[in-house]
């Protein structure tokens, strides 16, 4: 389980906004920076090795087949931080994507533009050894280990590009928060059905030792079938396990989502009441009704 944290905070105003403000802005207009792979220290490679080894032991039987297949096909070594150029060479041949280095969280319009052009912006830094189990800002392990294997899958590759295009539109329509929830509950914290049972595919889960167990094994969270309008109205937590996970019937649902005209959906949910993360709603297809015990025990006394 995660170390005790302060009371959970709700979702930020947007998902991809720059955490450090303009002080972290690089000189390039697209916020890209050199990865500078040779500058990584032995200690940083050792941190990667620790994270990689424990996730690779844990994820078989938990991660979906597409994630495991993508991970196996990529030039990712267990003992060193991957080189983005080598990753991009393989990705480009498979799905037309590449990995570019950024200093951390970037402005929304920059993030969306990269995705719309099949460029995945990855944090260049790696967490400290005392941050193995929790890091709010995505680092190279979260971004590469968590996200890049799924970009080897054509469905996820198309979905992510469509999300980038859709993000630019959502900004113009004032619906960024609603779209960000879709990203959160799919790309970051999504579950999918397979014949053998539920499997994880979200990067926030795949890169987390504790949440990759919690999401499937713990009785506390709800597991509910994915419905687009429902997800757009459901708030999320950024600094603790999720109270509810939304489940796809299969990954092809993402392909269908990539083809949806979100305009009418935005009109339907605009101004509608938002749902708290752990609140079940009438009409939910509940695959597992959670006990809520984990989050209830962590709420401060009134």
C-alpha atoms as a PDB file:
ATOM      1  CA  UNK A   1       0.000   0.000   0.000  1.00  0.00           C
ATOM      2  CA  UNK A   2       1.047   3.594  -0.423  1.00  0.00           C
ATOM      3  CA  UNK A   3       2.542   5.548   2.420  1.00  0.00           C
ATOM      4  CA  UNK A   4       0.006   7.652   4.350  1.00  0.00           C
ATOM      5  CA  UNK A   5      -0.649  10.877   2.458  1.00  0.00           C
ATOM      6  CA  UNK A   6      -2.427  14.102   3.362  1.00  0.00           C
ATOM      7  CA  UNK A   7      -6.152  14.228   2.510  1.00  0.00           C
ATOM      8  CA  UNK A   8      -6.549  13.652  -1.208  1.00  0.00           C
ATOM      9  CA  UNK A   9      -6.826  16.653  -3.485  1.00  0.00           C
ATOM     10  CA  UNK A  10      -9.309  16.824  -6.358  1.00  0.00           C
ATOM     11  CA  UNK A  11      -8.349  17.081  -9.991  1.00  0.00           C
ATOM     12  CA  UNK A  12      -6.388  20.169 -11.053  1.00  0.00           C
ATOM     13  CA  UNK A  13      -7.967  22.721 -13.408  1.00  0.00           C
ATOM     14  CA  UNK A  14      -6.311  20.935 -16.345  1.00  0.00           C
ATOM     15  CA  UNK A  15      -4.369  17.733 -16.633  1.00  0.00           C
ATOM     16  CA  UNK A  16      -1.318  18.733 -18.641  1.00  0.00           C
ATOM     17  CA  UNK A  17      -0.569  22.273 -17.430  1.00  0.00           C
ATOM     18  CA  UNK A  18       2.990  23.207 -16.580  1.00  0.00           C
ATOM     19  CA  UNK A  19       3.709  22.486 -12.927  1.00  0.00           C
ATOM     20  CA  UNK A  20       6.737  24.752 -12.493  1.00  0.00           C
ATOM     21  CA  UNK A  21       5.450  27.783 -14.373  1.00  0.00           C
ATOM     22  CA  UNK A  22       7.419  29.760 -16.933  1.00  0.00           C
ATOM     23  CA  UNK A  23      10.662  29.200 -15.016  1.00  0.00           C
ATOM     24  CA  UNK A  24      10.875  25.730 -16.525  1.00  0.00           C
ATOM     25  CA  UNK A  25      10.272  26.844 -20.102  1.00  0.00           C
ATOM     26  CA  UNK A  26      12.946  25.699 -22.582  1.00  0.00           C
ATOM     27  CA  UNK A  27      14.045  27.787 -25.545  1.00  0.00           C
ATOM     28  CA  UNK A  28      12.253  25.657 -28.149  1.00  0.00           C
ATOM     29  CA  UNK A  29       8.694  26.607 -29.106  1.00  0.00           C
ATOM     30  CA  UNK A  30       7.541  23.004 -28.771  1.00  0.00           C
ATOM     31  CA  UNK A  31       9.199  22.652 -25.339  1.00  0.00           C
ATOM     32  CA  UNK A  32      11.416  19.785 -26.480  1.00  0.00           C
ATOM     33  CA  UNK A  33      14.890  19.387 -25.029  1.00  0.00           C
ATOM     34  CA  UNK A  34      17.741  16.960 -25.728  1.00  0.00           C
ATOM     35  CA  UNK A  35      17.431  13.750 -23.761  1.00  0.00           C
ATOM     36  CA  UNK A  36      21.201  13.879 -23.160  1.00  0.00           C
ATOM     37  CA  UNK A  37      21.298  10.149 -22.459  1.00  0.00           C
ATOM     38  CA  UNK A  38      25.036  10.163 -21.682  1.00  0.00           C
ATOM     39  CA  UNK A  39      24.428  12.478 -18.724  1.00  0.00           C
ATOM     40  CA  UNK A  40      22.424   9.926 -16.733  1.00  0.00           C
ATOM     41  CA  UNK A  41      24.339   8.783 -13.666  1.00  0.00           C
ATOM     42  CA  UNK A  42      24.877   5.194 -12.491  1.00  0.00           C
ATOM     43  CA  UNK A  43      22.490   5.951  -9.618  1.00  0.00           C
ATOM     44  CA  UNK A  44      19.780   7.046 -12.065  1.00  0.00           C
ATOM     45  CA  UNK A  45      20.218   3.906 -14.163  1.00  0.00           C
ATOM     46  CA  UNK A  46      20.041   1.881 -10.924  1.00  0.00           C
ATOM     47  CA  UNK A  47      16.717   3.526 -10.068  1.00  0.00           C
ATOM     48  CA  UNK A  48      15.392   2.545 -13.488  1.00  0.00           C
ATOM     49  CA  UNK A  49      16.615  -1.026 -12.938  1.00  0.00           C
ATOM     50  CA  UNK A  50      14.833  -1.277  -9.584  1.00  0.00           C
ATOM     51  CA  UNK A  51      11.560   0.022 -10.985  1.00  0.00           C
ATOM     52  CA  UNK A  52      11.786  -2.062 -14.155  1.00  0.00           C
ATOM     53  CA  UNK A  53      12.589  -5.313 -12.378  1.00  0.00           C
ATOM     54  CA  UNK A  54       9.742  -5.160  -9.898  1.00  0.00           C
ATOM     55  CA  UNK A  55       7.144  -4.164 -12.496  1.00  0.00           C
ATOM     56  CA  UNK A  56       8.238  -6.908 -14.871  1.00  0.00           C
ATOM     57  CA  UNK A  57       7.815  -9.455 -12.091  1.00  0.00           C
ATOM     58  CA  UNK A  58       4.375  -8.141 -11.216  1.00  0.00           C
ATOM     59  CA  UNK A  59       2.651  -7.357 -14.509  1.00  0.00           C
ATOM     60  CA  UNK A  60       2.309 -10.755 -16.254  1.00  0.00           C
ATOM     61  CA  UNK A  61      -1.267 -11.801 -15.553  1.00  0.00           C
ATOM     62  CA  UNK A  62      -2.178  -8.201 -14.674  1.00  0.00           C
ATOM     63  CA  UNK A  63      -1.304  -6.094 -17.717  1.00  0.00           C
ATOM     64  CA  UNK A  64      -3.240  -6.586 -20.936  1.00  0.00           C
ATOM     65  CA  UNK A  65      -1.718  -8.588 -23.766  1.00  0.00           C
ATOM     66  CA  UNK A  66      -1.122  -5.463 -25.875  1.00  0.00           C
ATOM     67  CA  UNK A  67       0.994  -3.874 -23.152  1.00  0.00           C
ATOM     68  CA  UNK A  68       3.136  -6.962 -22.614  1.00  0.00           C
ATOM     69  CA  UNK A  69       3.586  -7.469 -26.360  1.00  0.00           C
ATOM     70  CA  UNK A  70       4.609  -3.834 -26.843  1.00  0.00           C
ATOM     71  CA  UNK A  71       7.049  -3.944 -23.947  1.00  0.00           C
ATOM     72  CA  UNK A  72       8.689  -7.056 -25.347  1.00  0.00           C
ATOM     73  CA  UNK A  73       9.086  -5.503 -28.815  1.00  0.00           C
ATOM     74  CA  UNK A  74      10.747  -2.277 -27.660  1.00  0.00           C
ATOM     75  CA  UNK A  75      14.489  -1.711 -27.105  1.00  0.00           C
ATOM     76  CA  UNK A  76      14.049  -1.312 -23.344  1.00  0.00           C
ATOM     77  CA  UNK A  77      16.834  -2.837 -21.268  1.00  0.00           C
ATOM     78  CA  UNK A  78      16.347  -3.787 -17.620  1.00  0.00           C
ATOM     79  CA  UNK A  79      19.503  -2.069 -16.392  1.00  0.00           C
ATOM     80  CA  UNK A  80      19.493   1.353 -18.071  1.00  0.00           C
ATOM     81  CA  UNK A  81      17.202   4.231 -18.974  1.00  0.00           C
ATOM     82  CA  UNK A  82      16.103   3.817 -22.606  1.00  0.00           C
ATOM     83  CA  UNK A  83      17.450   5.990 -25.395  1.00  0.00           C
ATOM     84  CA  UNK A  84      14.586   7.924 -26.985  1.00  0.00           C
ATOM     85  CA  UNK A  85      16.133   7.738 -30.459  1.00  0.00           C
ATOM     86  CA  UNK A  86      16.250   3.941 -30.307  1.00  0.00           C
ATOM     87  CA  UNK A  87      12.667   3.820 -29.028  1.00  0.00           C
ATOM     88  CA  UNK A  88      11.506   6.151 -31.776  1.00  0.00           C
ATOM     89  CA  UNK A  89      13.128   4.079 -34.497  1.00  0.00           C
ATOM     90  CA  UNK A  90      11.086   1.033 -33.488  1.00  0.00           C
ATOM     91  CA  UNK A  91       7.905   3.001 -32.784  1.00  0.00           C
ATOM     92  CA  UNK A  92       8.069   4.829 -36.099  1.00  0.00           C
ATOM     93  CA  UNK A  93       8.184   1.557 -38.024  1.00  0.00           C
ATOM     94  CA  UNK A  94       5.331   0.056 -36.001  1.00  0.00           C
ATOM     95  CA  UNK A  95       2.814   2.899 -35.641  1.00  0.00           C
ATOM     96  CA  UNK A  96       4.430   6.121 -36.854  1.00  0.00           C
ATOM     97  CA  UNK A  97       5.087   7.505 -33.365  1.00  0.00           C
ATOM     98  CA  UNK A  98       8.242   8.937 -31.820  1.00  0.00           C
ATOM     99  CA  UNK A  99       9.308   9.913 -28.294  1.00  0.00           C
ATOM    100  CA  UNK A 100      10.531  13.453 -27.624  1.00  0.00           C
ATOM    101  CA  UNK A 101      12.080  14.740 -24.398  1.00  0.00           C
ATOM    102  CA  UNK A 102      10.447  17.556 -22.418  1.00  0.00           C
ATOM    103  CA  UNK A 103      11.355  19.021 -19.015  1.00  0.00           C
ATOM    104  CA  UNK A 104       8.202  17.717 -17.326  1.00  0.00           C
ATOM    105  CA  UNK A 105       4.590  18.806 -17.590  1.00  0.00           C
ATOM    106  CA  UNK A 106       4.045  21.143 -20.532  1.00  0.00           C
ATOM    107  CA  UNK A 107       1.255  23.571 -21.486  1.00  0.00           C
ATOM    108  CA  UNK A 108      -1.904  21.922 -22.746  1.00  0.00           C
ATOM    109  CA  UNK A 109      -1.681  23.237 -26.301  1.00  0.00           C
ATOM    110  CA  UNK A 110       1.911  21.977 -26.598  1.00  0.00           C
ATOM    111  CA  UNK A 111       0.937  18.551 -25.280  1.00  0.00           C
ATOM    112  CA  UNK A 112      -2.007  18.264 -27.661  1.00  0.00           C
ATOM    113  CA  UNK A 113       0.033  19.407 -30.659  1.00  0.00           C
ATOM    114  CA  UNK A 114       2.669  16.765 -29.990  1.00  0.00           C
ATOM    115  CA  UNK A 115       0.060  14.012 -29.763  1.00  0.00           C
ATOM    116  CA  UNK A 116      -1.754  15.251 -32.859  1.00  0.00           C
ATOM    117  CA  UNK A 117       1.518  14.789 -34.777  1.00  0.00           C
ATOM    118  CA  UNK A 118       2.297  11.386 -33.209  1.00  0.00           C
ATOM    119  CA  UNK A 119       5.023  12.681 -30.930  1.00  0.00           C
ATOM    120  CA  UNK A 120       4.874  11.466 -27.350  1.00  0.00           C
ATOM    121  CA  UNK A 121       6.383  14.019 -24.918  1.00  0.00           C
ATOM    122  CA  UNK A 122       8.290  12.217 -22.180  1.00  0.00           C
ATOM    123  CA  UNK A 123       9.849  13.602 -19.057  1.00  0.00           C
ATOM    124  CA  UNK A 124      13.611  13.354 -19.328  1.00  0.00           C
ATOM    125  CA  UNK A 125      14.357  13.075 -15.589  1.00  0.00           C
ATOM    126  CA  UNK A 126      13.944  10.044 -13.327  1.00  0.00           C
ATOM    127  CA  UNK A 127      12.621  10.077  -9.787  1.00  0.00           C
ATOM    128  CA  UNK A 128      14.895   9.880  -6.776  1.00  0.00           C
ATOM    129  CA  UNK A 129      15.478   6.569  -5.030  1.00  0.00           C
ATOM    130  CA  UNK A 130      13.260   7.725  -2.138  1.00  0.00           C
ATOM    131  CA  UNK A 131      10.351   8.371  -4.538  1.00  0.00           C
ATOM    132  CA  UNK A 132       9.942   4.876  -5.953  1.00  0.00           C
ATOM    133  CA  UNK A 133       6.325   4.476  -4.890  1.00  0.00           C
ATOM    134  CA  UNK A 134       4.878   7.901  -5.564  1.00  0.00           C
ATOM    135  CA  UNK A 135       5.694  10.841  -7.802  1.00  0.00           C
ATOM    136  CA  UNK A 136       3.108  13.425  -8.825  1.00  0.00           C
ATOM    137  CA  UNK A 137       4.914  14.765 -11.896  1.00  0.00           C
ATOM    138  CA  UNK A 138       5.526  12.101 -14.563  1.00  0.00           C
ATOM    139  CA  UNK A 139       9.149  11.041 -15.017  1.00  0.00           C
ATOM    140  CA  UNK A 140      10.890   8.952 -17.648  1.00  0.00           C
ATOM    141  CA  UNK A 141       9.831   5.682 -16.010  1.00  0.00           C
ATOM    142  CA  UNK A 142       6.160   6.601 -15.964  1.00  0.00           C
ATOM    143  CA  UNK A 143       6.250   7.990 -19.485  1.00  0.00           C
ATOM    144  CA  UNK A 144       8.378   5.343 -21.184  1.00  0.00           C
ATOM    145  CA  UNK A 145       7.538   2.183 -19.255  1.00  0.00           C
ATOM    146  CA  UNK A 146       3.907   3.163 -18.662  1.00  0.00           C
ATOM    147  CA  UNK A 147       2.922   4.742 -21.985  1.00  0.00           C
ATOM    148  CA  UNK A 148       5.233   3.692 -24.787  1.00  0.00           C
ATOM    149  CA  UNK A 149       4.444  -0.067 -24.875  1.00  0.00           C
ATOM    150  CA  UNK A 150       0.796   0.741 -25.628  1.00  0.00           C
ATOM    151  CA  UNK A 151       1.854   3.080 -28.444  1.00  0.00           C
ATOM    152  CA  UNK A 152       3.072  -0.037 -30.250  1.00  0.00           C
ATOM    153  CA  UNK A 153      -0.602  -1.026 -30.492  1.00  0.00           C
ATOM    154  CA  UNK A 154      -2.300   0.491 -33.575  1.00  0.00           C
ATOM    155  CA  UNK A 155      -5.558   1.130 -31.718  1.00  0.00           C
ATOM    156  CA  UNK A 156      -3.921   3.060 -28.884  1.00  0.00           C
ATOM    157  CA  UNK A 157      -1.672   4.834 -31.383  1.00  0.00           C
ATOM    158  CA  UNK A 158      -4.698   6.147 -33.296  1.00  0.00           C
ATOM    159  CA  UNK A 159      -6.582   6.965 -30.093  1.00  0.00           C
ATOM    160  CA  UNK A 160      -3.748   9.055 -28.707  1.00  0.00           C
ATOM    161  CA  UNK A 161      -3.441  11.023 -31.939  1.00  0.00           C
ATOM    162  CA  UNK A 162      -7.194  11.624 -31.951  1.00  0.00           C
ATOM    163  CA  UNK A 163      -6.973  12.800 -28.353  1.00  0.00           C
ATOM    164  CA  UNK A 164      -4.376  15.370 -29.356  1.00  0.00           C
ATOM    165  CA  UNK A 165      -6.558  16.684 -32.176  1.00  0.00           C
ATOM    166  CA  UNK A 166      -9.582  16.650 -29.886  1.00  0.00           C
ATOM    167  CA  UNK A 167      -7.714  18.449 -27.134  1.00  0.00           C
ATOM    168  CA  UNK A 168      -7.089  21.485 -29.309  1.00  0.00           C
ATOM    169  CA  UNK A 169     -10.800  21.590 -30.112  1.00  0.00           C
ATOM    170  CA  UNK A 170     -11.796  21.108 -26.468  1.00  0.00           C
ATOM    171  CA  UNK A 171      -9.705  24.126 -25.522  1.00  0.00           C
ATOM    172  CA  UNK A 172     -11.596  26.294 -27.998  1.00  0.00           C
ATOM    173  CA  UNK A 173     -14.948  25.024 -26.686  1.00  0.00           C
ATOM    174  CA  UNK A 174     -14.067  25.392 -23.010  1.00  0.00           C
ATOM    175  CA  UNK A 175     -14.451  21.633 -22.427  1.00  0.00           C
ATOM    176  CA  UNK A 176     -10.891  20.727 -21.491  1.00  0.00           C
ATOM    177  CA  UNK A 177     -11.770  19.421 -18.023  1.00  0.00           C
ATOM    178  CA  UNK A 178     -14.288  16.994 -19.508  1.00  0.00           C
ATOM    179  CA  UNK A 179     -11.827  15.685 -22.087  1.00  0.00           C
ATOM    180  CA  UNK A 180      -9.057  15.422 -19.499  1.00  0.00           C
ATOM    181  CA  UNK A 181     -11.254  13.054 -17.480  1.00  0.00           C
ATOM    182  CA  UNK A 182     -11.519  10.761 -20.491  1.00  0.00           C
ATOM    183  CA  UNK A 183      -7.724  10.695 -20.785  1.00  0.00           C
ATOM    184  CA  UNK A 184      -7.357  10.064 -17.056  1.00  0.00           C
ATOM    185  CA  UNK A 185      -9.764   7.135 -16.943  1.00  0.00           C
ATOM    186  CA  UNK A 186      -8.463   5.517 -20.137  1.00  0.00           C
ATOM    187  CA  UNK A 187      -4.838   6.306 -20.996  1.00  0.00           C
ATOM    188  CA  UNK A 188      -3.723   6.713 -17.378  1.00  0.00           C
ATOM    189  CA  UNK A 189      -5.999   4.480 -15.276  1.00  0.00           C
ATOM    190  CA  UNK A 190      -7.958   2.276 -17.653  1.00  0.00           C
ATOM    191  CA  UNK A 191      -8.853  -1.396 -17.262  1.00  0.00           C
ATOM    192  CA  UNK A 192      -9.936  -3.734 -20.046  1.00  0.00           C
ATOM    193  CA  UNK A 193     -11.663  -7.101 -20.198  1.00  0.00           C
ATOM    194  CA  UNK A 194      -9.843 -10.113 -21.590  1.00  0.00           C
ATOM    195  CA  UNK A 195     -11.066 -13.726 -21.711  1.00  0.00           C
ATOM    196  CA  UNK A 196      -8.911 -14.467 -18.664  1.00  0.00           C
ATOM    197  CA  UNK A 197     -10.382 -11.567 -16.671  1.00  0.00           C
ATOM    198  CA  UNK A 198      -9.753  -7.881 -16.041  1.00  0.00           C
ATOM    199  CA  UNK A 199      -6.396  -6.477 -17.109  1.00  0.00           C
ATOM    200  CA  UNK A 200      -4.787  -3.055 -16.760  1.00  0.00           C
ATOM    201  CA  UNK A 201      -3.622  -0.916 -19.656  1.00  0.00           C
ATOM    202  CA  UNK A 202      -3.392   2.589 -18.163  1.00  0.00           C
ATOM    203  CA  UNK A 203       0.105   4.020 -17.788  1.00  0.00           C
ATOM    204  CA  UNK A 204      -0.516   5.380 -14.311  1.00  0.00           C
ATOM    205  CA  UNK A 205      -1.267   1.850 -13.166  1.00  0.00           C
ATOM    206  CA  UNK A 206       1.316  -0.014 -15.250  1.00  0.00           C
ATOM    207  CA  UNK A 207       4.139   2.124 -13.867  1.00  0.00           C
ATOM    208  CA  UNK A 208       2.965   1.863 -10.233  1.00  0.00           C
ATOM    209  CA  UNK A 209       3.853  -1.196  -8.155  1.00  0.00           C
ATOM    210  CA  UNK A 210       1.162  -0.497  -5.580  1.00  0.00           C
ATOM    211  CA  UNK A 211      -1.683   0.574  -7.866  1.00  0.00           C
ATOM    212  CA  UNK A 212      -1.156  -2.299 -10.290  1.00  0.00           C
ATOM    213  CA  UNK A 213      -2.138  -4.545  -7.378  1.00  0.00           C
ATOM    214  CA  UNK A 214      -4.799  -2.291  -5.860  1.00  0.00           C
ATOM    215  CA  UNK A 215      -6.795  -1.794  -9.069  1.00  0.00           C
ATOM    216  CA  UNK A 216      -7.378  -5.521  -9.596  1.00  0.00           C
ATOM    217  CA  UNK A 217      -7.067  -7.123  -6.164  1.00  0.00           C
ATOM    218  CA  UNK A 218      -8.383  -4.714  -3.558  1.00  0.00           C
ATOM    219  CA  UNK A 219     -12.111  -4.832  -2.693  1.00  0.00           C
ATOM    220  CA  UNK A 220     -12.229  -1.069  -2.049  1.00  0.00           C
ATOM    221  CA  UNK A 221     -12.569   0.531  -5.530  1.00  0.00           C
ATOM    222  CA  UNK A 222     -15.544   0.257  -7.846  1.00  0.00           C
ATOM    223  CA  UNK A 223     -15.018  -1.281 -11.264  1.00  0.00           C
ATOM    224  CA  UNK A 224     -17.601   0.036 -13.713  1.00  0.00           C
ATOM    225  CA  UNK A 225     -18.151  -0.330 -17.452  1.00  0.00           C
ATOM    226  CA  UNK A 226     -16.887   2.632 -19.444  1.00  0.00           C
ATOM    227  CA  UNK A 227     -19.541   5.057 -20.722  1.00  0.00           C
ATOM    228  CA  UNK A 228     -18.238   8.246 -22.323  1.00  0.00           C
ATOM    229  CA  UNK A 229     -20.737  10.743 -20.892  1.00  0.00           C
ATOM    230  CA  UNK A 230     -20.413   9.235 -17.416  1.00  0.00           C
ATOM    231  CA  UNK A 231     -16.628   9.459 -17.506  1.00  0.00           C
ATOM    232  CA  UNK A 232     -16.678  13.060 -18.730  1.00  0.00           C
ATOM    233  CA  UNK A 233     -18.645  14.004 -15.610  1.00  0.00           C
ATOM    234  CA  UNK A 234     -16.562  12.011 -13.109  1.00  0.00           C
ATOM    235  CA  UNK A 235     -13.877  13.814 -11.156  1.00  0.00           C
ATOM    236  CA  UNK A 236     -10.604  12.081 -10.306  1.00  0.00           C
ATOM    237  CA  UNK A 237      -7.883  12.095  -7.662  1.00  0.00           C
ATOM    238  CA  UNK A 238      -4.315  13.018  -8.495  1.00  0.00           C
ATOM    239  CA  UNK A 239      -2.453  11.939  -5.367  1.00  0.00           C
ATOM    240  CA  UNK A 240      -3.867   8.583  -4.314  1.00  0.00           C
ATOM    241  CA  UNK A 241      -5.372   5.393  -5.684  1.00  0.00           C
ATOM    242  CA  UNK A 242      -8.527   5.818  -7.745  1.00  0.00           C
ATOM    243  CA  UNK A 243     -11.893   5.221  -6.108  1.00  0.00           C
ATOM    244  CA  UNK A 244     -13.401   3.929  -9.352  1.00  0.00           C
ATOM    245  CA  UNK A 245     -11.885   2.309 -12.436  1.00  0.00           C
ATOM    246  CA  UNK A 246     -13.717   2.300 -15.757  1.00  0.00           C
ATOM    247  CA  UNK A 247     -13.512  -0.883 -17.804  1.00  0.00           C
ATOM    248  CA  UNK A 248     -13.484  -1.311 -21.581  1.00  0.00           C
ATOM    249  CA  UNK A 249     -15.040  -4.382 -23.169  1.00  0.00           C
ATOM    250  CA  UNK A 250     -11.948  -4.516 -25.387  1.00  0.00           C
ATOM    251  CA  UNK A 251      -9.347  -2.114 -26.736  1.00  0.00           C
ATOM    252  CA  UNK A 252     -11.354  -1.626 -29.921  1.00  0.00           C
ATOM    253  CA  UNK A 253     -13.613   0.638 -27.851  1.00  0.00           C
ATOM    254  CA  UNK A 254     -10.768   3.137 -27.977  1.00  0.00           C
ATOM    255  CA  UNK A 255     -10.852   3.027 -31.766  1.00  0.00           C
ATOM    256  CA  UNK A 256     -14.575   3.782 -31.670  1.00  0.00           C
ATOM    257  CA  UNK A 257     -13.910   6.664 -29.268  1.00  0.00           C
ATOM    258  CA  UNK A 258     -11.302   8.075 -31.639  1.00  0.00           C
ATOM    259  CA  UNK A 259     -14.015   8.362 -34.302  1.00  0.00           C
ATOM    260  CA  UNK A 260     -16.675   9.989 -32.119  1.00  0.00           C
ATOM    261  CA  UNK A 261     -17.661  13.590 -32.789  1.00  0.00           C
ATOM    262  CA  UNK A 262     -17.346  14.926 -29.262  1.00  0.00           C
ATOM    263  CA  UNK A 263     -19.264  18.127 -30.100  1.00  0.00           C
ATOM    264  CA  UNK A 264     -22.739  16.699 -29.347  1.00  0.00           C
ATOM    265  CA  UNK A 265     -21.360  14.930 -26.268  1.00  0.00           C
ATOM    266  CA  UNK A 266     -19.920  18.194 -24.966  1.00  0.00           C
ATOM    267  CA  UNK A 267     -23.309  19.835 -25.516  1.00  0.00           C
ATOM    268  CA  UNK A 268     -24.948  17.060 -23.510  1.00  0.00           C
ATOM    269  CA  UNK A 269     -22.624  17.311 -20.502  1.00  0.00           C
ATOM    270  CA  UNK A 270     -21.985  21.078 -20.533  1.00  0.00           C
ATOM    271  CA  UNK A 271     -23.134  22.517 -17.231  1.00  0.00           C
ATOM    272  CA  UNK A 272     -24.215  19.114 -15.934  1.00  0.00           C
ATOM    273  CA  UNK A 273     -23.476  18.092 -12.366  1.00  0.00           C
ATOM    274  CA  UNK A 274     -20.113  16.412 -11.899  1.00  0.00           C
ATOM    275  CA  UNK A 275     -19.787  13.175  -9.960  1.00  0.00           C
ATOM    276  CA  UNK A 276     -17.466  12.519  -7.070  1.00  0.00           C
ATOM    277  CA  UNK A 277     -14.842   9.858  -7.853  1.00  0.00           C
ATOM    278  CA  UNK A 278     -16.326   7.130  -5.653  1.00  0.00           C
ATOM    279  CA  UNK A 279     -20.041   7.755  -6.220  1.00  0.00           C
ATOM    280  CA  UNK A 280     -21.916   5.110  -8.214  1.00  0.00           C
ATOM    281  CA  UNK A 281     -24.684   6.420 -10.463  1.00  0.00           C
ATOM    282  CA  UNK A 282     -28.034   5.036 -11.623  1.00  0.00           C
ATOM    283  CA  UNK A 283     -27.475   3.261 -14.892  1.00  0.00           C
ATOM    284  CA  UNK A 284     -23.915   2.181 -14.095  1.00  0.00           C
ATOM    285  CA  UNK A 285     -22.980  -1.319 -15.165  1.00  0.00           C
ATOM    286  CA  UNK A 286     -21.148  -2.294 -12.003  1.00  0.00           C
ATOM    287  CA  UNK A 287     -18.665  -5.127 -12.415  1.00  0.00           C
ATOM    288  CA  UNK A 288     -17.535  -4.829  -8.799  1.00  0.00           C
ATOM    289  CA  UNK A 289     -19.198  -2.700  -6.133  1.00  0.00           C
ATOM    290  CA  UNK A 290     -16.330  -1.506  -3.996  1.00  0.00           C
ATOM    291  CA  UNK A 291     -16.377  -1.372  -0.233  1.00  0.00           C
ATOM    292  CA  UNK A 292     -14.784   2.085  -0.223  1.00  0.00           C
ATOM    293  CA  UNK A 293     -12.812   1.048   2.850  1.00  0.00           C
ATOM    294  CA  UNK A 294      -9.421   2.277   1.678  1.00  0.00           C
ATOM    295  CA  UNK A 295     -10.483   5.862   1.053  1.00  0.00           C
ATOM    296  CA  UNK A 296     -12.969   5.958   3.942  1.00  0.00           C
ATOM    297  CA  UNK A 297     -10.217   5.065   6.391  1.00  0.00           C
ATOM    298  CA  UNK A 298      -8.025   7.871   5.048  1.00  0.00           C
ATOM    299  CA  UNK A 299     -10.567  10.685   5.240  1.00  0.00           C
ATOM    300  CA  UNK A 300      -9.860  13.155   8.031  1.00  0.00           C
ATOM    301  CA  UNK A 301     -12.301  13.080  10.965  1.00  0.00           C
ATOM    302  CA  UNK A 302     -15.024  15.722  10.904  1.00  0.00           C
END
